[in-house]
Protein backbone atom coordinates (compact mmCIF):
# COMPACT_ATOMS: atom_id res chain seq x y z
CA MET A 1 39.52 26.46 1.06
CA THR A 2 38.86 29.78 -0.66
CA GLU A 3 40.76 32.81 0.59
CA MET A 4 39.82 36.46 0.17
CA MET A 5 41.94 38.87 -1.79
CA THR A 6 41.60 41.87 -4.05
CA SER A 7 42.39 41.35 -7.71
CA PRO A 8 45.06 43.56 -9.29
CA PRO A 9 43.88 46.42 -11.49
CA GLY A 10 43.29 45.55 -15.11
CA ILE A 11 42.13 46.67 -18.52
CA LEU A 12 40.61 44.85 -21.49
CA ILE A 13 41.74 45.57 -25.05
CA SER A 14 38.82 45.24 -27.46
CA ALA A 15 37.61 46.54 -30.80
CA PRO A 16 34.48 46.90 -32.93
CA SER A 17 35.49 43.81 -34.94
CA SER A 18 38.31 41.45 -35.74
CA GLY A 19 41.15 42.74 -37.87
CA THR A 20 41.50 46.16 -36.27
CA GLY A 21 44.95 45.60 -34.77
CA LYS A 22 44.06 44.75 -31.17
CA THR A 23 46.45 41.78 -31.00
CA THR A 24 49.37 43.99 -32.07
CA VAL A 25 48.35 46.52 -29.41
CA MET A 26 47.97 43.74 -26.85
CA LEU A 27 51.43 42.25 -27.43
CA GLY A 28 53.15 45.61 -27.54
CA LEU A 29 51.43 46.75 -24.37
CA LEU A 30 52.27 43.54 -22.50
CA ARG A 31 55.95 43.85 -23.36
CA ALA A 32 56.18 47.62 -22.78
CA LEU A 33 54.65 47.33 -19.30
CA ALA A 34 56.90 44.38 -18.49
CA GLU A 35 59.93 46.40 -19.64
CA ASP A 36 58.84 49.08 -17.18
CA GLY A 37 59.28 46.58 -14.37
CA LEU A 38 55.66 45.56 -13.87
CA THR A 39 54.50 41.99 -13.41
CA VAL A 40 51.83 41.76 -16.08
CA GLN A 41 49.15 39.06 -16.09
CA PRO A 42 47.60 38.44 -19.52
CA PHE A 43 44.16 36.94 -20.13
CA LYS A 44 42.16 36.15 -23.27
CA SER A 45 38.40 36.57 -23.35
CA GLY A 46 36.72 33.73 -25.20
CA PRO A 47 37.71 30.37 -26.68
CA ASP A 48 41.03 31.10 -28.39
CA TYR A 49 43.73 28.40 -28.61
CA ILE A 50 46.46 30.50 -30.25
CA ASP A 51 46.66 33.97 -28.66
CA PRO A 52 47.63 32.81 -25.12
CA ALA A 53 50.95 31.50 -26.43
CA PHE A 54 51.70 34.92 -27.95
CA HIS A 55 50.73 36.55 -24.66
CA LEU A 56 53.15 34.27 -22.80
CA ALA A 57 55.96 35.26 -25.15
CA ALA A 58 55.21 38.97 -24.66
CA ALA A 59 54.56 39.07 -20.90
CA ARG A 60 56.73 36.08 -19.92
CA ARG A 61 53.82 34.94 -17.76
CA PRO A 62 51.19 32.33 -18.72
CA SER A 63 47.95 33.66 -20.17
CA PHE A 64 44.54 32.13 -19.42
CA ASN A 65 41.19 32.12 -21.18
CA VAL A 66 38.17 33.63 -19.42
CA ASP A 67 34.88 32.49 -20.95
CA THR A 68 31.46 33.62 -19.70
CA TRP A 69 29.59 31.13 -21.89
CA ALA A 70 31.45 27.97 -20.98
CA MET A 71 32.68 28.61 -17.43
CA ASP A 72 30.73 28.75 -14.19
CA GLY A 73 31.44 31.29 -11.47
CA GLY A 74 33.78 29.05 -9.50
CA LEU A 75 36.00 28.34 -12.50
CA LEU A 76 36.04 32.01 -13.52
CA GLU A 77 37.18 32.97 -10.03
CA ALA A 78 39.84 30.26 -9.94
CA ILE A 79 41.23 31.40 -13.29
CA SER A 80 41.16 35.07 -12.31
CA ALA A 81 43.16 34.09 -9.22
CA GLN A 82 46.09 33.31 -11.54
CA ALA A 83 46.68 37.08 -11.46
CA CYS A 84 47.72 36.83 -7.82
CA GLY A 85 51.05 38.63 -7.42
CA ALA A 86 50.72 40.64 -10.63
CA ASP A 87 50.87 44.43 -10.70
CA ILE A 88 48.43 44.81 -13.56
CA VAL A 89 46.14 42.66 -15.71
CA VAL A 90 45.90 43.17 -19.47
CA ALA A 91 43.19 41.11 -21.18
CA GLU A 92 42.48 40.76 -24.89
CA GLY A 93 38.95 40.52 -26.20
CA SER A 94 37.78 38.35 -29.07
CA MET A 95 35.92 39.50 -32.19
CA GLY A 96 33.94 42.68 -31.48
CA LEU A 97 33.30 43.92 -27.96
CA PHE A 98 29.65 42.81 -27.83
CA ASP A 99 29.89 39.76 -30.12
CA GLY A 100 28.67 36.53 -28.55
CA VAL A 101 26.01 33.86 -28.90
CA ALA A 102 22.24 34.26 -28.74
CA LYS A 103 21.57 31.93 -25.83
CA PRO A 104 23.52 32.42 -22.58
CA GLY A 105 25.72 29.73 -21.12
CA GLU A 106 26.97 29.29 -17.57
CA GLN A 107 27.43 33.02 -16.93
CA GLY A 108 26.47 34.81 -20.11
CA HIS A 109 26.73 35.06 -23.88
CA GLY A 110 30.51 34.79 -24.11
CA THR A 111 31.15 38.44 -25.01
CA SER A 112 34.24 40.43 -24.18
CA ALA A 113 31.96 43.07 -22.66
CA GLU A 114 30.69 40.49 -20.14
CA THR A 115 34.26 39.57 -19.24
CA ALA A 116 35.16 43.23 -18.67
CA ALA A 117 32.05 43.85 -16.56
CA ARG A 118 32.49 40.75 -14.44
CA MET A 119 36.17 41.39 -13.77
CA GLY A 120 35.86 45.16 -13.40
CA TRP A 121 38.32 45.84 -16.22
CA PRO A 122 37.72 49.12 -18.11
CA VAL A 123 37.63 48.70 -21.88
CA ILE A 124 40.14 50.27 -24.24
CA LEU A 125 38.65 50.26 -27.73
CA VAL A 126 41.11 49.93 -30.63
CA LEU A 127 39.59 51.76 -33.59
CA ASP A 128 40.78 51.44 -37.17
CA VAL A 129 40.26 55.02 -38.35
CA GLY A 130 41.33 54.40 -41.93
CA GLY A 131 38.94 56.09 -44.35
CA GLN A 132 37.26 58.27 -41.72
CA ALA A 133 38.05 61.06 -39.28
CA GLN A 134 35.44 62.72 -37.03
CA SER A 135 33.02 59.91 -37.89
CA ALA A 136 35.13 57.49 -35.86
CA ALA A 137 33.84 59.25 -32.74
CA ALA A 138 30.30 58.15 -33.55
CA THR A 139 31.48 54.52 -33.54
CA ALA A 140 33.29 55.00 -30.24
CA LEU A 141 30.31 56.76 -28.69
CA GLY A 142 27.97 54.03 -29.85
CA PHE A 143 30.13 51.37 -28.21
CA ARG A 144 30.31 53.31 -24.96
CA MET A 145 26.57 53.94 -24.83
CA TYR A 146 25.43 50.48 -25.96
CA ASN A 147 25.97 49.39 -22.36
CA PRO A 148 26.37 52.52 -20.21
CA ASP A 149 27.21 50.40 -17.15
CA LEU A 150 30.32 48.94 -18.80
CA PRO A 151 33.54 50.56 -17.56
CA PHE A 152 35.14 52.39 -20.47
CA ALA A 153 38.67 53.82 -20.41
CA GLY A 154 38.99 55.33 -23.86
CA VAL A 155 40.25 54.62 -27.36
CA ILE A 156 43.46 53.92 -29.24
CA LEU A 157 43.26 55.19 -32.81
CA ASN A 158 44.95 52.79 -35.20
CA ARG A 159 46.18 53.25 -38.79
CA CYS A 160 46.15 57.04 -38.73
CA ALA A 161 47.36 58.34 -42.08
CA SER A 162 48.80 61.79 -41.22
CA PRO A 163 49.01 64.52 -38.58
CA ARG A 164 46.00 66.22 -40.19
CA HIS A 165 44.06 62.94 -40.02
CA GLU A 166 44.95 62.71 -36.32
CA ARG A 167 43.82 66.27 -35.60
CA LEU A 168 40.44 65.74 -37.25
CA THR A 169 39.87 62.42 -35.55
CA ARG A 170 40.79 63.86 -32.15
CA LEU A 171 38.29 66.68 -32.71
CA GLY A 172 35.53 64.14 -33.05
CA MET A 173 36.65 62.28 -29.94
CA GLU A 174 36.76 65.51 -27.93
CA ARG A 175 33.21 66.31 -29.00
CA ALA A 176 32.10 62.84 -27.91
CA GLY A 177 33.95 63.14 -24.59
CA MET A 178 36.08 60.13 -25.47
CA PRO A 179 39.63 59.96 -24.02
CA VAL A 180 42.28 59.23 -26.64
CA LEU A 181 44.97 57.03 -25.08
CA GLY A 182 47.11 56.68 -28.17
CA VAL A 183 47.34 57.25 -31.92
CA LEU A 184 49.15 54.66 -34.03
CA PRO A 185 50.38 55.69 -37.49
CA ARG A 186 49.67 53.39 -40.39
CA ARG A 187 52.43 50.81 -40.83
CA GLY A 188 52.23 47.75 -43.03
CA ASP A 189 54.93 45.82 -41.23
CA LEU A 190 53.04 45.46 -37.94
CA THR A 191 50.87 42.52 -38.91
CA LEU A 192 51.23 38.97 -37.66
CA PRO A 193 51.26 36.09 -40.18
CA GLU A 194 47.95 34.24 -40.47
CA ARG A 195 46.49 31.01 -41.81
CA HIS A 196 43.00 29.49 -41.90
CA LEU A 197 42.44 29.38 -38.10
CA GLY A 198 43.76 32.91 -37.60
CA LEU A 199 47.31 33.67 -36.51
CA ILE A 200 50.07 31.17 -37.06
CA GLN A 201 51.22 29.58 -33.81
CA ALA A 202 53.74 31.39 -31.68
CA VAL A 203 56.26 28.55 -32.06
CA GLU A 204 56.09 28.94 -35.86
CA HIS A 205 56.81 32.68 -36.02
CA PRO A 206 60.18 33.21 -37.74
CA ASP A 207 61.32 35.85 -35.21
CA LEU A 208 58.65 36.41 -32.58
CA GLU A 209 60.93 38.12 -30.05
CA ALA A 210 61.98 40.76 -32.55
CA ALA A 211 58.37 41.30 -33.60
CA ILE A 212 57.15 41.77 -30.03
CA SER A 213 60.04 44.10 -29.20
CA GLY A 214 59.10 46.15 -32.26
CA TYR A 215 55.47 46.35 -31.17
CA ALA A 216 56.54 47.50 -27.71
CA SER A 217 58.76 50.25 -29.11
CA PHE A 218 55.98 51.35 -31.44
CA LEU A 219 53.44 51.57 -28.60
CA ARG A 220 55.88 53.29 -26.27
CA GLU A 221 56.31 56.00 -28.91
CA HIS A 222 52.63 56.52 -29.71
CA VAL A 223 50.58 55.47 -26.65
CA ASP A 224 50.27 57.09 -23.23
CA LEU A 225 51.34 54.19 -21.03
CA ALA A 226 50.92 56.22 -17.85
CA ALA A 227 47.32 57.02 -18.77
CA ILE A 228 46.63 53.36 -19.49
CA ARG A 229 48.06 52.34 -16.14
CA SER A 230 45.93 54.98 -14.44
CA ALA A 231 42.82 53.73 -16.25
CA ALA A 232 43.29 50.15 -15.03
CA ALA A 233 40.80 49.12 -12.36
CA SER A 234 39.50 46.05 -10.59
CA ARG A 235 36.46 45.02 -8.67
CA SER A 236 35.84 47.02 -5.54
CA ALA A 237 38.15 46.52 -2.60
CA GLY A 238 37.34 43.42 -0.62
CA ALA A 239 35.88 41.57 -3.62
CA SER A 240 36.32 37.83 -3.39
CA VAL A 241 38.61 36.08 -5.80
CA GLY A 242 38.67 32.32 -5.36
CA ARG A 243 42.13 30.92 -4.79
CA SER A 244 41.12 27.30 -4.46
CA ALA A 245 42.76 24.99 -6.98
CA ASN A 246 39.76 22.71 -6.45
CA GLU A 247 37.77 24.95 -8.78
CA LEU A 248 40.17 24.27 -11.67
CA PRO A 249 39.55 21.18 -13.83
CA ARG A 250 40.65 17.92 -12.25
CA PRO A 251 43.17 15.75 -14.12
CA PRO A 252 41.86 12.77 -16.08
CA ALA A 253 44.81 10.62 -14.95
CA GLN A 254 47.94 10.80 -12.79
CA ARG A 255 50.58 10.49 -15.52
CA ILE A 256 49.45 12.15 -18.75
CA ALA A 257 51.49 11.82 -21.94
CA LEU A 258 50.65 15.04 -23.79
CA ALA A 259 51.50 15.51 -27.47
CA ARG A 260 53.19 18.88 -27.76
CA ASP A 261 54.64 20.32 -30.98
CA SER A 262 53.51 22.49 -33.89
CA ALA A 263 51.03 19.80 -34.99
CA PHE A 264 49.47 19.45 -31.52
CA SER A 265 49.38 22.58 -29.38
CA PHE A 266 45.76 23.64 -28.82
CA THR A 267 45.19 22.97 -25.13
CA TYR A 268 43.53 25.51 -22.88
CA PRO A 269 46.08 26.72 -20.28
CA HIS A 270 43.60 26.48 -17.39
CA LEU A 271 43.23 22.74 -18.01
CA LEU A 272 46.95 22.14 -17.72
CA GLU A 273 47.16 24.41 -14.67
CA GLY A 274 44.35 22.45 -13.01
CA TRP A 275 45.98 19.12 -13.80
CA ARG A 276 49.30 20.25 -12.35
CA ALA A 277 47.67 21.85 -9.29
CA SER A 278 46.09 18.51 -8.46
CA GLY A 279 49.44 16.76 -8.64
CA ALA A 280 49.22 15.16 -12.08
CA GLU A 281 52.43 14.67 -14.05
CA ILE A 282 52.38 15.97 -17.61
CA LEU A 283 54.80 14.12 -19.87
CA PRO A 284 55.21 16.01 -23.16
CA PHE A 285 56.28 14.23 -26.32
CA SER A 286 56.54 15.22 -29.99
CA PRO A 287 54.86 13.08 -32.64
CA LEU A 288 56.56 15.19 -35.33
CA ALA A 289 59.92 14.19 -33.86
CA ASN A 290 58.70 10.58 -34.00
CA GLU A 291 58.64 10.29 -30.22
CA ALA A 292 56.44 7.66 -28.60
CA PRO A 293 54.34 8.54 -25.56
CA ALA A 294 55.91 7.59 -22.23
CA ALA A 295 55.57 3.85 -21.78
CA ASP A 296 54.45 4.24 -18.16
CA ALA A 297 51.84 6.92 -18.82
CA ASP A 298 48.30 6.33 -17.59
CA LEU A 299 46.76 8.32 -20.44
CA VAL A 300 47.77 9.67 -23.84
CA TRP A 301 46.15 12.99 -24.76
CA LEU A 302 46.45 14.35 -28.31
CA PRO A 303 45.36 18.02 -28.45
CA GLY A 304 44.22 19.86 -31.52
CA GLY A 305 46.55 21.70 -33.83
CA TYR A 306 47.52 21.41 -37.48
CA PRO A 307 48.07 17.72 -38.29
CA GLU A 308 46.80 18.39 -41.83
CA LEU A 309 49.97 20.42 -42.47
CA HIS A 310 52.16 17.52 -41.35
CA ALA A 311 50.07 14.51 -42.39
CA GLY A 312 52.83 12.83 -44.41
CA LYS A 313 55.33 13.18 -41.58
CA LEU A 314 52.87 11.82 -39.03
CA ALA A 315 51.96 8.88 -41.26
CA ALA A 316 55.66 7.98 -41.45
CA ALA A 317 56.30 8.39 -37.70
CA ASP A 318 56.54 4.66 -36.94
CA ASN A 319 57.85 5.04 -33.40
CA PHE A 320 55.03 7.42 -32.46
CA LEU A 321 52.30 5.31 -34.06
CA THR A 322 53.58 2.04 -32.65
CA GLY A 323 53.81 3.47 -29.14
CA LEU A 324 50.34 4.98 -29.45
CA ARG A 325 48.80 1.69 -30.60
CA ARG A 326 50.57 -0.26 -27.88
CA HIS A 327 49.29 2.13 -25.22
CA ALA A 328 45.72 1.84 -26.53
CA GLU A 329 45.74 -1.92 -26.01
CA SER A 330 45.37 -1.49 -22.25
CA ARG A 331 45.08 2.21 -21.36
CA PRO A 332 43.03 5.21 -22.53
CA VAL A 333 43.87 7.51 -25.42
CA HIS A 334 41.92 10.69 -26.20
CA GLY A 335 42.19 13.14 -29.07
CA GLU A 336 40.72 16.60 -29.64
CA CYS A 337 40.07 17.92 -33.16
CA GLY A 338 43.46 17.44 -34.86
CA GLY A 339 44.31 14.77 -32.31
CA TYR A 340 40.99 13.06 -33.09
CA MET A 341 41.81 13.09 -36.80
CA THR A 342 45.20 11.52 -36.06
CA LEU A 343 43.55 8.69 -34.14
CA GLY A 344 41.41 7.91 -37.19
CA ALA A 345 42.02 5.66 -40.17
CA ALA A 346 43.01 8.30 -42.70
CA LEU A 347 43.40 12.04 -43.28
CA ILE A 348 43.10 13.52 -46.77
CA ASP A 349 45.03 16.74 -47.21
CA LYS A 350 44.03 19.79 -49.28
CA ASP A 351 45.74 18.33 -52.38
CA GLY A 352 43.66 15.15 -52.18
CA THR A 353 46.46 12.91 -50.94
CA GLN A 354 45.31 10.31 -48.43
CA HIS A 355 47.57 9.64 -45.43
CA GLN A 356 47.14 6.65 -43.17
CA MET A 357 46.78 7.66 -39.53
CA ALA A 358 46.84 5.58 -36.33
CA GLY A 359 43.75 3.53 -37.17
CA LEU A 360 42.60 3.40 -33.56
CA LEU A 361 39.27 4.85 -34.69
CA SER A 362 37.56 4.39 -38.06
CA LEU A 363 37.27 8.13 -38.71
CA VAL A 364 38.24 9.39 -42.17
CA THR A 365 38.57 13.18 -42.58
CA SER A 366 39.31 15.38 -45.56
CA TYR A 367 40.60 18.90 -46.22
CA GLU A 368 40.24 18.54 -50.00
CA LYS A 369 36.87 20.26 -49.84
CA ARG A 370 36.97 22.58 -46.85
CA LYS A 371 33.90 22.91 -44.67
CA PHE A 372 33.85 25.50 -41.91
CA HIS A 373 32.89 24.37 -38.39
CA LEU A 374 32.89 27.03 -35.69
CA GLY A 375 31.15 27.55 -32.38
CA TYR A 376 30.54 26.60 -28.80
CA ARG A 377 29.55 23.01 -28.09
CA LYS A 378 27.67 21.34 -25.26
CA ALA A 379 28.21 17.58 -25.14
CA HIS A 380 26.06 15.06 -23.30
CA LEU A 381 28.37 12.06 -22.94
CA GLU A 382 26.84 8.75 -23.99
CA SER A 383 30.05 6.90 -23.14
CA GLY A 384 32.83 7.66 -20.72
CA MET A 385 36.03 9.39 -21.74
CA PRO A 386 39.18 10.10 -19.69
CA GLY A 387 38.17 12.04 -16.59
CA PHE A 388 34.44 11.86 -17.25
CA SER A 389 31.58 9.35 -17.15
CA ALA A 390 28.55 8.66 -19.31
CA GLY A 391 25.92 11.22 -18.33
CA ASP A 392 28.36 14.09 -17.75
CA GLN A 393 27.82 17.35 -19.60
CA LEU A 394 30.84 19.10 -21.07
CA ARG A 395 31.29 22.51 -22.63
CA GLY A 396 33.80 23.20 -25.34
CA HIS A 397 34.49 24.90 -28.64
CA GLU A 398 34.90 23.65 -32.20
CA PHE A 399 36.93 25.37 -34.92
CA HIS A 400 38.14 23.51 -38.01
CA TYR A 401 37.76 23.21 -41.76
CA CYS A 402 37.71 19.47 -42.35
CA SER A 403 34.89 17.22 -43.56
CA ILE A 404 34.00 13.80 -42.18
CA LEU A 405 33.92 11.14 -44.90
CA ASP A 406 33.40 8.17 -42.58
CA GLN A 407 32.64 7.90 -38.86
CA PRO A 408 31.38 4.34 -38.19
CA ASP A 409 32.43 3.97 -34.55
CA ALA A 410 30.02 4.44 -31.65
CA PRO A 411 29.21 8.11 -30.95
CA LEU A 412 30.86 9.49 -27.84
CA ALA A 413 28.24 12.13 -27.13
CA ARG A 414 25.13 13.95 -28.20
CA VAL A 415 26.53 17.33 -29.18
CA LEU A 416 24.62 20.61 -29.39
CA ASP A 417 25.64 24.07 -30.51
CA ALA A 418 25.17 27.20 -28.40
CA GLU A 419 21.56 27.56 -29.52
CA GLY A 420 20.63 23.95 -28.76
CA ALA A 421 20.73 22.58 -32.31
CA GLU A 422 22.31 19.16 -32.72
CA VAL A 423 25.56 18.96 -34.69
CA PRO A 424 26.76 15.85 -36.55
CA GLU A 425 30.27 15.84 -35.08
CA THR A 426 29.43 13.59 -32.13
CA GLY A 427 32.91 12.29 -31.43
CA SER A 428 33.75 8.59 -31.41
CA VAL A 429 34.67 5.84 -28.99
CA ARG A 430 36.14 2.40 -29.60
CA GLY A 431 37.65 0.36 -26.82
CA ASN A 432 40.11 2.51 -24.87
CA VAL A 433 40.16 5.23 -27.52
CA SER A 434 37.94 8.31 -27.71
CA GLY A 435 37.95 11.56 -29.63
CA THR A 436 35.99 14.76 -30.19
CA PHE A 437 36.02 17.63 -32.63
CA PHE A 438 35.42 20.08 -29.80
CA HIS A 439 38.13 21.34 -27.47
CA LEU A 440 37.18 20.74 -23.84
CA ILE A 441 36.78 23.87 -21.69
CA ALA A 442 34.84 22.74 -18.63
CA GLN A 443 32.36 20.30 -17.16
CA ALA A 444 28.82 21.63 -16.96
CA GLY A 445 27.08 19.05 -14.77
CA ARG A 446 25.24 15.81 -15.43
CA MET A 447 22.21 14.95 -17.50
CA GLU A 448 19.00 14.60 -15.57
CA ALA A 449 17.42 11.17 -15.48
CA ALA A 450 14.66 10.70 -18.06
């Protein structure tokens, strides 16, 4: 049953492009508001596997992805209901504010602007003003006017070089009628470490707590927190926010052995929340610690992550591999992206060294010659996989740099990109074992009969 409630007020932190400092602002703002005694609910707009873990560390409350391309209205409402009990919502956009795909999905093009409009969250634009002054106002004004119906709170000016630089930039913003909510001086020590998929994982940061505390102190000194809180808004009073757990994804099994360590960590939080809400038991284990999946599990699920960075250790993890193979003799095993590679016959690392993997699928992948794969995926299942049947349509996202050298098993699905073009990464199925290169976000229906 769906109850009625009003969502807490919120804001969305966005930017003209990636690399402007919005993640630093996001983490500092989450922690500063939490230090002020607020219960802060973080969200991430778009298909990001890494940022939610940083949000959790900063807000001490789980963060969830909101995706207008992949999610239907019921799922969006169920996820937004995770903010129940919070005092304020702070969401982080992805890429630039209006960046998305050409063809709409379930609810839209997957832009951060769509997320803000749907949820009623005013946008705070983080602008890198390095190398410009008054001209930054033209950028801000263009973003505000590109969609005049989009709620817009103001700007935070980042990487300001001097008091004079600030004065000139503020002059431009005043002329454009753009509220300035903060001015951050240029500091080289406020960047998060990155690798080829973006930020390193939260669990790998050498001192994440100190970093987040530093961001919070920095924002508290240079940002008007009271003005940001005043700018937060939500949908009009009486708006419906679904609270039914039935709208969250259903679990693919009752007892799910879930690989969970720095090699396998890319699972969307709303999936796990849906599994738990339906009463499933999640049994974490660490392949890197050479742990076998629970012997009484109904399903083994290997998420994506960075197995290519740990390929030698995984190849030598006899207890893990033996337990995995034993499970696959009678019960299902599924892998996503890095988990899929691990289920294959071999993985070749960037140095050209070949590492034997589980051998439950015939897949051979290589990082020796990197090939970039990025984008939304719509899969029409040709065979069943845990939780789904042949004929089901799934929506997900693919992001990796490996090449397929051999993929002789039966294809799991016909896979299309966001514009309807077929992609060669079809996934594989053999016996009880299946795998995909895309990370599952949601079910999108069933194929119509021919």
